[in-house]
């Protein structure tokens, strides 16, 4: 396992809930605010990563 090179900290201001992610080289973090979310991640052989973002519909 490679050593982390980036540390990302995120906190939900309303709830106070937080999380820390440590990324290795080539890693990524996507932060979406409601109502958006990452619905799918597709990785291709050539190194391309396609992320599908969707909007949650109110219930």
C-alpha atoms as a PDB file:
ATOM      1  CA  UNK A   1       0.000   0.000   0.000  1.00  0.00           C
ATOM      2  CA  UNK A   2       1.372   3.409  -1.022  1.00  0.00           C
ATOM      3  CA  UNK A   3       1.673   6.239   1.469  1.00  0.00           C
ATOM      4  CA  UNK A   4      -1.144   8.826   1.393  1.00  0.00           C
ATOM      5  CA  UNK A   5      -0.219  12.121  -0.252  1.00  0.00           C
ATOM      6  CA  UNK A   6      -3.431  14.129   0.343  1.00  0.00           C
ATOM      7  CA  UNK A   7      -5.766  14.298   3.350  1.00  0.00           C
ATOM      8  CA  UNK A   8      -9.294  15.634   2.774  1.00  0.00           C
ATOM      9  CA  UNK A   9     -11.559  16.571   5.676  1.00  0.00           C
ATOM     10  CA  UNK A  10     -15.263  17.328   5.213  1.00  0.00           C
ATOM     11  CA  UNK A  11     -17.908  18.265   7.789  1.00  0.00           C
ATOM     12  CA  UNK A  12     -21.670  18.626   7.490  1.00  0.00           C
ATOM     13  CA  UNK A  13     -22.281  22.019   9.082  1.00  0.00           C
ATOM     14  CA  UNK A  14     -25.888  21.204  10.073  1.00  0.00           C
ATOM     15  CA  UNK A  15     -25.303  17.803  11.683  1.00  0.00           C
ATOM     16  CA  UNK A  16     -21.658  18.174  12.708  1.00  0.00           C
ATOM     17  CA  UNK A  17     -20.934  14.777  11.133  1.00  0.00           C
ATOM     18  CA  UNK A  18     -17.514  14.636   9.495  1.00  0.00           C
ATOM     19  CA  UNK A  19     -15.153  12.348   7.673  1.00  0.00           C
ATOM     20  CA  UNK A  20     -11.484  12.223   6.714  1.00  0.00           C
ATOM     21  CA  UNK A  21     -10.119  10.542   3.575  1.00  0.00           C
ATOM     22  CA  UNK A  22      -6.429   9.972   2.866  1.00  0.00           C
ATOM     23  CA  UNK A  23      -5.676   9.627  -0.832  1.00  0.00           C
ATOM     24  CA  UNK A  24      -2.859   7.777  -2.498  1.00  0.00           C
ATOM     25  CA  UNK A  25      -1.428   8.932  -5.806  1.00  0.00           C
ATOM     26  CA  UNK A  26      -4.147   8.760  -8.462  1.00  0.00           C
ATOM     27  CA  UNK A  27      -7.001   8.843  -5.946  1.00  0.00           C
ATOM     28  CA  UNK A  28      -9.884  11.295  -5.947  1.00  0.00           C
ATOM     29  CA  UNK A  29     -12.729  12.566  -3.787  1.00  0.00           C
ATOM     30  CA  UNK A  30     -16.075  13.839  -5.059  1.00  0.00           C
ATOM     31  CA  UNK A  31     -18.178  15.844  -2.619  1.00  0.00           C
ATOM     32  CA  UNK A  32     -21.795  16.385  -3.616  1.00  0.00           C
ATOM     33  CA  UNK A  33     -24.275  18.520  -1.723  1.00  0.00           C
ATOM     34  CA  UNK A  34     -27.860  17.301  -1.486  1.00  0.00           C
ATOM     35  CA  UNK A  35     -29.812  16.671  -3.597  1.00  0.00           C
ATOM     36  CA  UNK A  36     -26.890  15.507  -5.813  1.00  0.00           C
ATOM     37  CA  UNK A  37     -25.163  12.137  -5.350  1.00  0.00           C
ATOM     38  CA  UNK A  38     -22.710   9.865  -7.176  1.00  0.00           C
ATOM     39  CA  UNK A  39     -24.937   7.220  -8.754  1.00  0.00           C
ATOM     40  CA  UNK A  40     -22.313   5.200 -10.639  1.00  0.00           C
ATOM     41  CA  UNK A  41     -18.572   4.908 -11.227  1.00  0.00           C
ATOM     42  CA  UNK A  42     -17.219   3.305 -14.397  1.00  0.00           C
ATOM     43  CA  UNK A  43     -13.502   2.607 -14.872  1.00  0.00           C
ATOM     44  CA  UNK A  44     -12.149   1.989 -18.357  1.00  0.00           C
ATOM     45  CA  UNK A  45      -9.011   0.069 -19.372  1.00  0.00           C
ATOM     46  CA  UNK A  46      -7.380   3.278 -20.655  1.00  0.00           C
ATOM     47  CA  UNK A  47      -7.540   4.864 -17.185  1.00  0.00           C
ATOM     48  CA  UNK A  48     -10.615   7.005 -17.801  1.00  0.00           C
ATOM     49  CA  UNK A  49     -13.077   7.189 -14.903  1.00  0.00           C
ATOM     50  CA  UNK A  50     -16.668   8.261 -15.597  1.00  0.00           C
ATOM     51  CA  UNK A  51     -18.786   9.370 -12.644  1.00  0.00           C
ATOM     52  CA  UNK A  52     -22.551   9.686 -13.027  1.00  0.00           C
ATOM     53  CA  UNK A  53     -24.123  12.320 -10.796  1.00  0.00           C
ATOM     54  CA  UNK A  54     -27.863  12.297 -10.174  1.00  0.00           C
ATOM     55  CA  UNK A  55     -30.309  14.533  -8.366  1.00  0.00           C
ATOM     56  CA  UNK A  56     -32.525  13.010  -5.668  1.00  0.00           C
ATOM     57  CA  UNK A  57     -36.189  13.778  -6.198  1.00  0.00           C
ATOM     58  CA  UNK A  58     -38.177  14.965  -3.164  1.00  0.00           C
ATOM     59  CA  UNK A  59     -40.249  12.155  -1.624  1.00  0.00           C
END
